[in-house]
Amino acid sequence: MRNFVEAMSMAMLKGAGLTDISPQLIKTFLYAILMNGLAVISYKKTT
């Protein structure tokens, strides 16, 4: 969550481009993939 907020503040307030915020976006996407994977595994165990 922190990475997303940092990326958005850089983009909106500081005028940063995609290359400037790409490290934060990559971390955010990796976290989302991990959480979705864990949710799928958890769902399969309960049904």
PDB file of N, CA and C in Angstrom:
ATOM      1  N   MET A   1       0.822  -1.192   0.000  1.00  0.00           N
ATOM      2  CA  MET A   1       0.000   0.000   0.000  1.00  0.00           C
ATOM      3  C   MET A   1       0.868   1.260   0.000  1.00  0.00           C
ATOM      4  N   ARG A   2       1.925   1.222   0.778  1.00  0.00           N
ATOM      5  CA  ARG A   2       2.817   2.376   0.875  1.00  0.00           C
ATOM      6  C   ARG A   2       3.441   2.709  -0.474  1.00  0.00           C
ATOM      7  N   ASN A   3       3.806   1.668  -1.224  1.00  0.00           N
ATOM      8  CA  ASN A   3       4.433   1.897  -2.526  1.00  0.00           C
ATOM      9  C   ASN A   3       3.472   2.571  -3.495  1.00  0.00           C
ATOM     10  N   PHE A   4       2.216   2.174  -3.461  1.00  0.00           N
ATOM     11  CA  PHE A   4       1.219   2.767  -4.351  1.00  0.00           C
ATOM     12  C   PHE A   4       0.996   4.239  -4.014  1.00  0.00           C
ATOM     13  N   VAL A   5       0.879   4.534  -2.735  1.00  0.00           N
ATOM     14  CA  VAL A   5       0.676   5.925  -2.309  1.00  0.00           C
ATOM     15  C   VAL A   5       1.883   6.771  -2.688  1.00  0.00           C
ATOM     16  N   GLU A   6       3.076   6.226  -2.500  1.00  0.00           N
ATOM     17  CA  GLU A   6       4.291   6.954  -2.866  1.00  0.00           C
ATOM     18  C   GLU A   6       4.346   7.202  -4.369  1.00  0.00           C
ATOM     19  N   ALA A   7       3.990   6.201  -5.168  1.00  0.00           N
ATOM     20  CA  ALA A   7       4.003   6.359  -6.627  1.00  0.00           C
ATOM     21  C   ALA A   7       2.985   7.401  -7.073  1.00  0.00           C
ATOM     22  N   MET A   8       1.796   7.376  -6.485  1.00  0.00           N
ATOM     23  CA  MET A   8       0.774   8.337  -6.882  1.00  0.00           C
ATOM     24  C   MET A   8       1.145   9.758  -6.463  1.00  0.00           C
ATOM     25  N   SER A   9       1.741   9.904  -5.286  1.00  0.00           N
ATOM     26  CA  SER A   9       2.139  11.254  -4.872  1.00  0.00           C
ATOM     27  C   SER A   9       3.271  11.776  -5.747  1.00  0.00           C
ATOM     28  N   MET A  10       4.177  10.895  -6.159  1.00  0.00           N
ATOM     29  CA  MET A  10       5.247  11.317  -7.064  1.00  0.00           C
ATOM     30  C   MET A  10       4.671  11.755  -8.403  1.00  0.00           C
ATOM     31  N   ALA A  11       3.701  11.004  -8.898  1.00  0.00           N
ATOM     32  CA  ALA A  11       3.133  11.309 -10.213  1.00  0.00           C
ATOM     33  C   ALA A  11       2.280  12.574 -10.176  1.00  0.00           C
ATOM     34  N   MET A  12       1.456  12.713  -9.154  1.00  0.00           N
ATOM     35  CA  MET A  12       0.523  13.835  -9.111  1.00  0.00           C
ATOM     36  C   MET A  12       1.164  15.131  -8.605  1.00  0.00           C
ATOM     37  N   LEU A  13       1.942  15.033  -7.555  1.00  0.00           N
ATOM     38  CA  LEU A  13       2.477  16.243  -6.930  1.00  0.00           C
ATOM     39  C   LEU A  13       3.810  16.692  -7.514  1.00  0.00           C
ATOM     40  N   LYS A  14       4.646  15.733  -7.865  1.00  0.00           N
ATOM     41  CA  LYS A  14       5.983  16.083  -8.323  1.00  0.00           C
ATOM     42  C   LYS A  14       6.135  16.006  -9.836  1.00  0.00           C
ATOM     43  N   GLY A  15       5.117  15.523 -10.526  1.00  0.00           N
ATOM     44  CA  GLY A  15       5.174  15.429 -11.977  1.00  0.00           C
ATOM     45  C   GLY A  15       6.115  14.348 -12.475  1.00  0.00           C
ATOM     46  N   ALA A  16       6.297  13.301 -11.703  1.00  0.00           N
ATOM     47  CA  ALA A  16       7.198  12.219 -12.085  1.00  0.00           C
ATOM     48  C   ALA A  16       6.601  11.424 -13.242  1.00  0.00           C
ATOM     49  N   GLY A  17       7.467  10.908 -14.072  1.00  0.00           N
ATOM     50  CA  GLY A  17       7.037  10.103 -15.208  1.00  0.00           C
ATOM     51  C   GLY A  17       6.987   8.630 -14.854  1.00  0.00           C
ATOM     52  N   LEU A  18       6.642   7.822 -15.848  1.00  0.00           N
ATOM     53  CA  LEU A  18       6.514   6.384 -15.641  1.00  0.00           C
ATOM     54  C   LEU A  18       7.844   5.759 -15.239  1.00  0.00           C
ATOM     55  N   THR A  19       8.933   6.231 -15.809  1.00  0.00           N
ATOM     56  CA  THR A  19      10.238   5.669 -15.444  1.00  0.00           C
ATOM     57  C   THR A  19      10.606   5.988 -14.003  1.00  0.00           C
ATOM     58  N   ASP A  20      10.122   7.093 -13.486  1.00  0.00           N
ATOM     59  CA  ASP A  20      10.415   7.465 -12.100  1.00  0.00           C
ATOM     60  C   ASP A  20       9.626   6.633 -11.101  1.00  0.00           C
ATOM     61  N   ILE A  21       8.405   6.275 -11.455  1.00  0.00           N
ATOM     62  CA  ILE A  21       7.563   5.545 -10.508  1.00  0.00           C
ATOM     63  C   ILE A  21       7.528   4.045 -10.780  1.00  0.00           C
ATOM     64  N   SER A  22       8.245   3.570 -11.789  1.00  0.00           N
ATOM     65  CA  SER A  22       8.197   2.147 -12.124  1.00  0.00           C
ATOM     66  C   SER A  22       8.651   1.232 -10.987  1.00  0.00           C
ATOM     67  N   PRO A  23       9.667   1.567 -10.180  1.00  0.00           N
ATOM     68  CA  PRO A  23      10.007   0.660  -9.071  1.00  0.00           C
ATOM     69  C   PRO A  23       8.852   0.469  -8.083  1.00  0.00           C
ATOM     70  N   GLN A  24       8.144   1.541  -7.774  1.00  0.00           N
ATOM     71  CA  GLN A  24       7.013   1.426  -6.854  1.00  0.00           C
ATOM     72  C   GLN A  24       5.873   0.629  -7.488  1.00  0.00           C
ATOM     73  N   LEU A  25       5.637   0.840  -8.777  1.00  0.00           N
ATOM     74  CA  LEU A  25       4.567   0.109  -9.447  1.00  0.00           C
ATOM     75  C   LEU A  25       4.883  -1.375  -9.541  1.00  0.00           C
ATOM     76  N   ILE A  26       6.129  -1.710  -9.795  1.00  0.00           N
ATOM     77  CA  ILE A  26       6.518  -3.121  -9.864  1.00  0.00           C
ATOM     78  C   ILE A  26       6.305  -3.790  -8.512  1.00  0.00           C
ATOM     79  N   LYS A  27       6.700  -3.129  -7.433  1.00  0.00           N
ATOM     80  CA  LYS A  27       6.485  -3.686  -6.093  1.00  0.00           C
ATOM     81  C   LYS A  27       5.001  -3.863  -5.807  1.00  0.00           C
ATOM     82  N   THR A  28       4.190  -2.899  -6.230  1.00  0.00           N
ATOM     83  CA  THR A  28       2.750  -2.982  -6.007  1.00  0.00           C
ATOM     84  C   THR A  28       2.142  -4.142  -6.785  1.00  0.00           C
ATOM     85  N   PHE A  29       2.539  -4.316  -8.044  1.00  0.00           N
ATOM     86  CA  PHE A  29       2.016  -5.416  -8.852  1.00  0.00           C
ATOM     87  C   PHE A  29       2.449  -6.770  -8.305  1.00  0.00           C
ATOM     88  N   LEU A  30       3.685  -6.888  -7.849  1.00  0.00           N
ATOM     89  CA  LEU A  30       4.147  -8.150  -7.268  1.00  0.00           C
ATOM     90  C   LEU A  30       3.375  -8.484  -5.996  1.00  0.00           C
ATOM     91  N   TYR A  31       3.100  -7.478  -5.182  1.00  0.00           N
ATOM     92  CA  TYR A  31       2.312  -7.694  -3.971  1.00  0.00           C
ATOM     93  C   TYR A  31       0.892  -8.142  -4.322  1.00  0.00           C
ATOM     94  N   ALA A  32       0.311  -7.524  -5.347  1.00  0.00           N
ATOM     95  CA  ALA A  32      -1.044  -7.892  -5.762  1.00  0.00           C
ATOM     96  C   ALA A  32      -1.084  -9.327  -6.278  1.00  0.00           C
ATOM     97  N   ILE A  33      -0.083  -9.720  -7.048  1.00  0.00           N
ATOM     98  CA  ILE A  33      -0.028 -11.092  -7.560  1.00  0.00           C
ATOM     99  C   ILE A  33       0.111 -12.086  -6.410  1.00  0.00           C
ATOM    100  N   LEU A  34       0.959 -11.769  -5.445  1.00  0.00           N
ATOM    101  CA  LEU A  34       1.138 -12.638  -4.286  1.00  0.00           C
ATOM    102  C   LEU A  34      -0.161 -12.784  -3.498  1.00  0.00           C
ATOM    103  N   MET A  35      -0.832 -11.681  -3.226  1.00  0.00           N
ATOM    104  CA  MET A  35      -2.070 -11.727  -2.447  1.00  0.00           C
ATOM    105  C   MET A  35      -3.177 -12.474  -3.196  1.00  0.00           C
ATOM    106  N   ASN A  36      -3.265 -12.282  -4.505  1.00  0.00           N
ATOM    107  CA  ASN A  36      -4.266 -13.008  -5.287  1.00  0.00           C
ATOM    108  C   ASN A  36      -3.968 -14.498  -5.302  1.00  0.00           C
ATOM    109  N   GLY A  37      -2.706 -14.854  -5.403  1.00  0.00           N
ATOM    110  CA  GLY A  37      -2.327 -16.266  -5.354  1.00  0.00           C
ATOM    111  C   GLY A  37      -2.691 -16.900  -4.026  1.00  0.00           C
ATOM    112  N   LEU A  38      -2.405 -16.206  -2.938  1.00  0.00           N
ATOM    113  CA  LEU A  38      -2.770 -16.721  -1.618  1.00  0.00           C
ATOM    114  C   LEU A  38      -4.281 -16.824  -1.449  1.00  0.00           C
ATOM    115  N   ALA A  39      -5.021 -15.891  -2.017  1.00  0.00           N
ATOM    116  CA  ALA A  39      -6.484 -15.940  -1.933  1.00  0.00           C
ATOM    117  C   ALA A  39      -7.028 -17.147  -2.687  1.00  0.00           C
ATOM    118  N   VAL A  40      -6.460 -17.447  -3.843  1.00  0.00           N
ATOM    119  CA  VAL A  40      -6.904 -18.609  -4.620  1.00  0.00           C
ATOM    120  C   VAL A  40      -6.617 -19.892  -3.856  1.00  0.00           C
ATOM    121  N   ILE A  41      -5.435 -19.992  -3.278  1.00  0.00           N
ATOM    122  CA  ILE A  41      -5.085 -21.186  -2.501  1.00  0.00           C
ATOM    123  C   ILE A  41      -6.007 -21.322  -1.300  1.00  0.00           C
ATOM    124  N   SER A  42      -6.279 -20.239  -0.618  1.00  0.00           N
ATOM    125  CA  SER A  42      -7.164 -20.260   0.541  1.00  0.00           C
ATOM    126  C   SER A  42      -8.586 -20.644   0.143  1.00  0.00           C
ATOM    127  N   TYR A  43      -9.053 -20.143  -0.986  1.00  0.00           N
ATOM    128  CA  TYR A  43     -10.403 -20.452  -1.447  1.00  0.00           C
ATOM    129  C   TYR A  43     -10.529 -21.925  -1.805  1.00  0.00           C
ATOM    130  N   LYS A  44      -9.515 -22.485  -2.431  1.00  0.00           N
ATOM    131  CA  LYS A  44      -9.554 -23.899  -2.812  1.00  0.00           C
ATOM    132  C   LYS A  44      -9.607 -24.798  -1.588  1.00  0.00           C
ATOM    133  N   LYS A  45      -8.976 -24.399  -0.496  1.00  0.00           N
ATOM    134  CA  LYS A  45      -8.965 -25.212   0.712  1.00  0.00           C
ATOM    135  C   LYS A  45     -10.318 -25.203   1.414  1.00  0.00           C
ATOM    136  N   THR A  46     -11.092 -24.137   1.247  1.00  0.00           N
ATOM    137  CA  THR A  46     -12.360 -24.045   1.968  1.00  0.00           C
ATOM    138  C   THR A  46     -13.521 -24.657   1.200  1.00  0.00           C
ATOM    139  N   THR A  47     -13.351 -24.890  -0.090  1.00  0.00           N
ATOM    140  CA  THR A  47     -14.466 -25.460  -0.860  1.00  0.00           C
ATOM    141  C   THR A  47     -14.183 -26.859  -1.300  1.00  0.00           C
TER     142      THR A  47
END
